[in-house]
Amino acid sequence: MENLLHKDPGSYMVVKVEGPCRRFYELGILPGCKITLISRNDRGPVLIRVGNSKVALGRGMAQSIFVE
């Protein structure tokens, strides 16, 4: 189990979410859901797909999402 900042682009299952749970819930990022990491750079936002939506996350939020 690693956070999104340590993963390469691809599809993952969310295992755990830490931090502002309400915001993650609003975005549909919940334990058990599938997300696709589209891009992750050394700096700047992390781009993911949740369902049919693309979401740009700050690095702090991405670090709070643990996936397998």
PDB file of N, CA and C in Angstrom:
ATOM      1  N   MET A   1       0.859  -1.175   0.000  1.00  0.00           N
ATOM      2  CA  MET A   1       0.000   0.000   0.000  1.00  0.00           C
ATOM      3  C   MET A   1       0.900   1.231   0.000  1.00  0.00           C
ATOM      4  N   GLU A   2       0.740   2.079  -1.012  1.00  0.00           N
ATOM      5  CA  GLU A   2       1.509   3.314  -1.131  1.00  0.00           C
ATOM      6  C   GLU A   2       0.560   4.451  -1.487  1.00  0.00           C
ATOM      7  N   ASN A   3       1.018   5.689  -1.256  1.00  0.00           N
ATOM      8  CA  ASN A   3       0.187   6.818  -1.652  1.00  0.00           C
ATOM      9  C   ASN A   3       0.413   7.133  -3.133  1.00  0.00           C
ATOM     10  N   LEU A   4      -0.458   7.952  -3.687  1.00  0.00           N
ATOM     11  CA  LEU A   4      -0.415   8.238  -5.125  1.00  0.00           C
ATOM     12  C   LEU A   4       0.884   8.885  -5.580  1.00  0.00           C
ATOM     13  N   LEU A   5       1.574   9.593  -4.689  1.00  0.00           N
ATOM     14  CA  LEU A   5       2.815  10.255  -5.093  1.00  0.00           C
ATOM     15  C   LEU A   5       3.931   9.267  -5.399  1.00  0.00           C
ATOM     16  N   HIS A   6       3.779   8.023  -4.981  1.00  0.00           N
ATOM     17  CA  HIS A   6       4.804   7.011  -5.216  1.00  0.00           C
ATOM     18  C   HIS A   6       4.414   6.012  -6.303  1.00  0.00           C
ATOM     19  N   LYS A   7       3.334   6.270  -7.013  1.00  0.00           N
ATOM     20  CA  LYS A   7       2.848   5.339  -8.037  1.00  0.00           C
ATOM     21  C   LYS A   7       3.070   5.899  -9.440  1.00  0.00           C
ATOM     22  N   ASP A   8       3.179   4.996 -10.400  1.00  0.00           N
ATOM     23  CA  ASP A   8       3.248   5.362 -11.809  1.00  0.00           C
ATOM     24  C   ASP A   8       1.826   5.425 -12.359  1.00  0.00           C
ATOM     25  N   PRO A   9       1.623   6.122 -13.489  1.00  0.00           N
ATOM     26  CA  PRO A   9       0.288   6.161 -14.078  1.00  0.00           C
ATOM     27  C   PRO A   9      -0.276   4.760 -14.280  1.00  0.00           C
ATOM     28  N   GLY A  10      -1.575   4.635 -14.007  1.00  0.00           N
ATOM     29  CA  GLY A  10      -2.263   3.355 -14.128  1.00  0.00           C
ATOM     30  C   GLY A  10      -3.506   3.342 -13.268  1.00  0.00           C
ATOM     31  N   SER A  11      -4.193   2.206 -13.230  1.00  0.00           N
ATOM     32  CA  SER A  11      -5.427   2.062 -12.456  1.00  0.00           C
ATOM     33  C   SER A  11      -5.134   1.417 -11.111  1.00  0.00           C
ATOM     34  N   TYR A  12      -5.794   1.931 -10.079  1.00  0.00           N
ATOM     35  CA  TYR A  12      -5.569   1.463  -8.714  1.00  0.00           C
ATOM     36  C   TYR A  12      -6.880   1.422  -7.940  1.00  0.00           C
ATOM     37  N   MET A  13      -6.878   0.629  -6.871  1.00  0.00           N
ATOM     38  CA  MET A  13      -8.002   0.558  -5.945  1.00  0.00           C
ATOM     39  C   MET A  13      -7.633   1.377  -4.711  1.00  0.00           C
ATOM     40  N   VAL A  14      -8.531   2.275  -4.296  1.00  0.00           N
ATOM     41  CA  VAL A  14      -8.290   3.073  -3.094  1.00  0.00           C
ATOM     42  C   VAL A  14      -8.467   2.175  -1.876  1.00  0.00           C
ATOM     43  N   VAL A  15      -7.459   2.157  -1.003  1.00  0.00           N
ATOM     44  CA  VAL A  15      -7.487   1.334   0.198  1.00  0.00           C
ATOM     45  C   VAL A  15      -7.809   2.182   1.422  1.00  0.00           C
ATOM     46  N   LYS A  16      -7.222   3.372   1.485  1.00  0.00           N
ATOM     47  CA  LYS A  16      -7.374   4.218   2.668  1.00  0.00           C
ATOM     48  C   LYS A  16      -7.235   5.670   2.257  1.00  0.00           C
ATOM     49  N   VAL A  17      -7.984   6.546   2.933  1.00  0.00           N
ATOM     50  CA  VAL A  17      -7.907   7.978   2.699  1.00  0.00           C
ATOM     51  C   VAL A  17      -7.701   8.663   4.042  1.00  0.00           C
ATOM     52  N   GLU A  18      -6.699   9.526   4.108  1.00  0.00           N
ATOM     53  CA  GLU A  18      -6.448  10.293   5.327  1.00  0.00           C
ATOM     54  C   GLU A  18      -6.701  11.765   5.035  1.00  0.00           C
ATOM     55  N   GLY A  19      -7.076  12.506   6.044  1.00  0.00           N
ATOM     56  CA  GLY A  19      -7.224  13.947   5.867  1.00  0.00           C
ATOM     57  C   GLY A  19      -8.668  14.376   5.746  1.00  0.00           C
ATOM     58  N   PRO A  20      -8.911  15.375   4.872  1.00  0.00           N
ATOM     59  CA  PRO A  20     -10.247  15.979   4.758  1.00  0.00           C
ATOM     60  C   PRO A  20     -11.244  15.031   4.092  1.00  0.00           C
ATOM     61  N   CYS A  21     -11.785  14.109   4.858  1.00  0.00           N
ATOM     62  CA  CYS A  21     -12.658  13.058   4.313  1.00  0.00           C
ATOM     63  C   CYS A  21     -13.859  13.613   3.563  1.00  0.00           C
ATOM     64  N   ARG A  22     -14.397  14.722   4.005  1.00  0.00           N
ATOM     65  CA  ARG A  22     -15.573  15.289   3.336  1.00  0.00           C
ATOM     66  C   ARG A  22     -15.239  15.661   1.895  1.00  0.00           C
ATOM     67  N   ARG A  23     -14.086  16.266   1.694  1.00  0.00           N
ATOM     68  CA  ARG A  23     -13.680  16.664   0.344  1.00  0.00           C
ATOM     69  C   ARG A  23     -13.474  15.435  -0.549  1.00  0.00           C
ATOM     70  N   PHE A  24     -12.831  14.408  -0.020  1.00  0.00           N
ATOM     71  CA  PHE A  24     -12.639  13.184  -0.794  1.00  0.00           C
ATOM     72  C   PHE A  24     -13.993  12.559  -1.130  1.00  0.00           C
ATOM     73  N   TYR A  25     -14.923  12.571  -0.175  1.00  0.00           N
ATOM     74  CA  TYR A  25     -16.268  12.034  -0.402  1.00  0.00           C
ATOM     75  C   TYR A  25     -16.956  12.805  -1.532  1.00  0.00           C
ATOM     76  N   GLU A  26     -16.837  14.144  -1.510  1.00  0.00           N
ATOM     77  CA  GLU A  26     -17.447  14.970  -2.552  1.00  0.00           C
ATOM     78  C   GLU A  26     -16.878  14.648  -3.931  1.00  0.00           C
ATOM     79  N   LEU A  27     -15.600  14.280  -3.975  1.00  0.00           N
ATOM     80  CA  LEU A  27     -14.951  13.943  -5.240  1.00  0.00           C
ATOM     81  C   LEU A  27     -15.191  12.492  -5.654  1.00  0.00           C
ATOM     82  N   GLY A  28     -15.771  11.688  -4.758  1.00  0.00           N
ATOM     83  CA  GLY A  28     -16.014  10.275  -5.055  1.00  0.00           C
ATOM     84  C   GLY A  28     -14.816   9.387  -4.799  1.00  0.00           C
ATOM     85  N   ILE A  29     -13.852   9.898  -4.029  1.00  0.00           N
ATOM     86  CA  ILE A  29     -12.647   9.131  -3.709  1.00  0.00           C
ATOM     87  C   ILE A  29     -12.851   8.492  -2.345  1.00  0.00           C
ATOM     88  N   LEU A  30     -13.239   7.221  -2.369  1.00  0.00           N
ATOM     89  CA  LEU A  30     -13.565   6.487  -1.151  1.00  0.00           C
ATOM     90  C   LEU A  30     -12.848   5.143  -1.158  1.00  0.00           C
ATOM     91  N   PRO A  31     -12.584   4.571   0.012  1.00  0.00           N
ATOM     92  CA  PRO A  31     -12.003   3.230   0.041  1.00  0.00           C
ATOM     93  C   PRO A  31     -12.878   2.260  -0.756  1.00  0.00           C
ATOM     94  N   GLY A  32     -12.228   1.464  -1.588  1.00  0.00           N
ATOM     95  CA  GLY A  32     -12.942   0.501  -2.417  1.00  0.00           C
ATOM     96  C   GLY A  32     -13.214   0.979  -3.828  1.00  0.00           C
ATOM     97  N   CYS A  33     -13.044   2.272  -4.099  1.00  0.00           N
ATOM     98  CA  CYS A  33     -13.314   2.762  -5.451  1.00  0.00           C
ATOM     99  C   CYS A  33     -12.060   2.651  -6.316  1.00  0.00           C
ATOM    100  N   LYS A  34     -12.279   2.585  -7.617  1.00  0.00           N
ATOM    101  CA  LYS A  34     -11.185   2.501  -8.576  1.00  0.00           C
ATOM    102  C   LYS A  34     -10.873   3.899  -9.084  1.00  0.00           C
ATOM    103  N   ILE A  35      -9.590   4.245  -9.132  1.00  0.00           N
ATOM    104  CA  ILE A  35      -9.166   5.510  -9.717  1.00  0.00           C
ATOM    105  C   ILE A  35      -8.050   5.228 -10.717  1.00  0.00           C
ATOM    106  N   THR A  36      -7.883   6.137 -11.654  1.00  0.00           N
ATOM    107  CA  THR A  36      -6.805   6.028 -12.628  1.00  0.00           C
ATOM    108  C   THR A  36      -5.890   7.225 -12.470  1.00  0.00           C
ATOM    109  N   LEU A  37      -4.631   6.965 -12.217  1.00  0.00           N
ATOM    110  CA  LEU A  37      -3.626   8.018 -12.143  1.00  0.00           C
ATOM    111  C   LEU A  37      -3.199   8.335 -13.567  1.00  0.00           C
ATOM    112  N   ILE A  38      -3.494   9.544 -14.005  1.00  0.00           N
ATOM    113  CA  ILE A  38      -3.204   9.944 -15.380  1.00  0.00           C
ATOM    114  C   ILE A  38      -1.802  10.526 -15.486  1.00  0.00           C
ATOM    115  N   SER A  39      -1.471  11.455 -14.593  1.00  0.00           N
ATOM    116  CA  SER A  39      -0.131  12.038 -14.623  1.00  0.00           C
ATOM    117  C   SER A  39       0.284  12.500 -13.239  1.00  0.00           C
ATOM    118  N   ARG A  40       1.587  12.392 -13.017  1.00  0.00           N
ATOM    119  CA  ARG A  40       2.181  12.805 -11.751  1.00  0.00           C
ATOM    120  C   ARG A  40       3.577  13.307 -12.081  1.00  0.00           C
ATOM    121  N   ASN A  41       3.844  14.561 -11.772  1.00  0.00           N
ATOM    122  CA  ASN A  41       5.154  15.146 -12.011  1.00  0.00           C
ATOM    123  C   ASN A  41       5.850  15.383 -10.683  1.00  0.00           C
ATOM    124  N   ASP A  42       7.116  15.768 -10.752  1.00  0.00           N
ATOM    125  CA  ASP A  42       7.847  16.065  -9.523  1.00  0.00           C
ATOM    126  C   ASP A  42       7.294  17.295  -8.816  1.00  0.00           C
ATOM    127  N   ARG A  43       6.662  18.152  -9.571  1.00  0.00           N
ATOM    128  CA  ARG A  43       6.036  19.359  -9.008  1.00  0.00           C
ATOM    129  C   ARG A  43       4.666  19.523  -9.641  1.00  0.00           C
ATOM    130  N   GLY A  44       3.817  20.262  -8.960  1.00  0.00           N
ATOM    131  CA  GLY A  44       2.507  20.538  -9.519  1.00  0.00           C
ATOM    132  C   GLY A  44       1.477  19.494  -9.160  1.00  0.00           C
ATOM    133  N   PRO A  45       0.268  19.668  -9.692  1.00  0.00           N
ATOM    134  CA  PRO A  45      -0.844  18.790  -9.320  1.00  0.00           C
ATOM    135  C   PRO A  45      -0.725  17.383  -9.895  1.00  0.00           C
ATOM    136  N   VAL A  46      -1.512  16.497  -9.308  1.00  0.00           N
ATOM    137  CA  VAL A  46      -1.618  15.108  -9.744  1.00  0.00           C
ATOM    138  C   VAL A  46      -2.975  14.972 -10.426  1.00  0.00           C
ATOM    139  N   LEU A  47      -2.992  14.451 -11.637  1.00  0.00           N
ATOM    140  CA  LEU A  47      -4.237  14.331 -12.398  1.00  0.00           C
ATOM    141  C   LEU A  47      -4.732  12.893 -12.332  1.00  0.00           C
ATOM    142  N   ILE A  48      -5.986  12.724 -11.875  1.00  0.00           N
ATOM    143  CA  ILE A  48      -6.585  11.392 -11.774  1.00  0.00           C
ATOM    144  C   ILE A  48      -7.945  11.383 -12.457  1.00  0.00           C
ATOM    145  N   ARG A  49      -8.422  10.176 -12.739  1.00  0.00           N
ATOM    146  CA  ARG A  49      -9.787   9.994 -13.232  1.00  0.00           C
ATOM    147  C   ARG A  49     -10.542   9.212 -12.174  1.00  0.00           C
ATOM    148  N   VAL A  50     -11.707   9.741 -11.791  1.00  0.00           N
ATOM    149  CA  VAL A  50     -12.608   9.076 -10.844  1.00  0.00           C
ATOM    150  C   VAL A  50     -13.939   8.951 -11.562  1.00  0.00           C
ATOM    151  N   GLY A  51     -14.339   7.737 -11.876  1.00  0.00           N
ATOM    152  CA  GLY A  51     -15.558   7.561 -12.662  1.00  0.00           C
ATOM    153  C   GLY A  51     -15.361   8.187 -14.030  1.00  0.00           C
ATOM    154  N   ASN A  52     -16.236   9.108 -14.403  1.00  0.00           N
ATOM    155  CA  ASN A  52     -16.138   9.792 -15.693  1.00  0.00           C
ATOM    156  C   ASN A  52     -15.515  11.171 -15.577  1.00  0.00           C
ATOM    157  N   SER A  53     -14.988  11.515 -14.415  1.00  0.00           N
ATOM    158  CA  SER A  53     -14.447  12.853 -14.179  1.00  0.00           C
ATOM    159  C   SER A  53     -12.936  12.833 -14.037  1.00  0.00           C
ATOM    160  N   LYS A  54     -12.307  13.877 -14.565  1.00  0.00           N
ATOM    161  CA  LYS A  54     -10.884  14.095 -14.320  1.00  0.00           C
ATOM    162  C   LYS A  54     -10.768  15.104 -13.188  1.00  0.00           C
ATOM    163  N   VAL A  55      -9.857  14.832 -12.256  1.00  0.00           N
ATOM    164  CA  VAL A  55      -9.690  15.684 -11.081  1.00  0.00           C
ATOM    165  C   VAL A  55      -8.209  15.986 -10.912  1.00  0.00           C
ATOM    166  N   ALA A  56      -7.877  17.263 -10.731  1.00  0.00           N
ATOM    167  CA  ALA A  56      -6.508  17.661 -10.416  1.00  0.00           C
ATOM    168  C   ALA A  56      -6.417  17.824  -8.905  1.00  0.00           C
ATOM    169  N   LEU A  57      -5.504  17.082  -8.295  1.00  0.00           N
ATOM    170  CA  LEU A  57      -5.319  17.130  -6.845  1.00  0.00           C
ATOM    171  C   LEU A  57      -3.993  17.790  -6.515  1.00  0.00           C
ATOM    172  N   GLY A  58      -3.990  18.572  -5.449  1.00  0.00           N
ATOM    173  CA  GLY A  58      -2.734  19.073  -4.925  1.00  0.00           C
ATOM    174  C   GLY A  58      -1.917  17.913  -4.393  1.00  0.00           C
ATOM    175  N   ARG A  59      -0.616  18.117  -4.291  1.00  0.00           N
ATOM    176  CA  ARG A  59       0.264  17.033  -3.850  1.00  0.00           C
ATOM    177  C   ARG A  59      -0.054  16.580  -2.432  1.00  0.00           C
ATOM    178  N   GLY A  60      -0.487  17.489  -1.571  1.00  0.00           N
ATOM    179  CA  GLY A  60      -0.852  17.122  -0.204  1.00  0.00           C
ATOM    180  C   GLY A  60      -2.044  16.182  -0.170  1.00  0.00           C
ATOM    181  N   MET A  61      -3.046  16.460  -0.997  1.00  0.00           N
ATOM    182  CA  MET A  61      -4.213  15.574  -1.060  1.00  0.00           C
ATOM    183  C   MET A  61      -3.833  14.229  -1.660  1.00  0.00           C
ATOM    184  N   ALA A  62      -3.025  14.239  -2.711  1.00  0.00           N
ATOM    185  CA  ALA A  62      -2.612  12.988  -3.349  1.00  0.00           C
ATOM    186  C   ALA A  62      -1.820  12.114  -2.380  1.00  0.00           C
ATOM    187  N   GLN A  63      -1.075  12.749  -1.510  1.00  0.00           N
ATOM    188  CA  GLN A  63      -0.276  12.013  -0.527  1.00  0.00           C
ATOM    189  C   GLN A  63      -1.161  11.336   0.514  1.00  0.00           C
ATOM    190  N   SER A  64      -2.406  11.780   0.641  1.00  0.00           N
ATOM    191  CA  SER A  64      -3.341  11.225   1.621  1.00  0.00           C
ATOM    192  C   SER A  64      -4.156  10.055   1.086  1.00  0.00           C
ATOM    193  N   ILE A  65      -3.986   9.727  -0.192  1.00  0.00           N
ATOM    194  CA  ILE A  65      -4.735   8.637  -0.816  1.00  0.00           C
ATOM    195  C   ILE A  65      -3.810   7.432  -0.963  1.00  0.00           C
ATOM    196  N   PHE A  66      -4.168   6.332  -0.289  1.00  0.00           N
ATOM    197  CA  PHE A  66      -3.368   5.112  -0.334  1.00  0.00           C
ATOM    198  C   PHE A  66      -4.057   4.091  -1.223  1.00  0.00           C
ATOM    199  N   VAL A  67      -3.294   3.512  -2.140  1.00  0.00           N
ATOM    200  CA  VAL A  67      -3.859   2.618  -3.152  1.00  0.00           C
ATOM    201  C   VAL A  67      -3.063   1.323  -3.256  1.00  0.00           C
ATOM    202  N   GLU A  68      -3.689   0.344  -3.885  1.00  0.00           N
ATOM    203  CA  GLU A  68      -3.022  -0.923  -4.240  1.00  0.00           C
ATOM    204  C   GLU A  68      -3.277  -1.203  -5.700  1.00  0.00           C
TER     205      GLU A  68
END
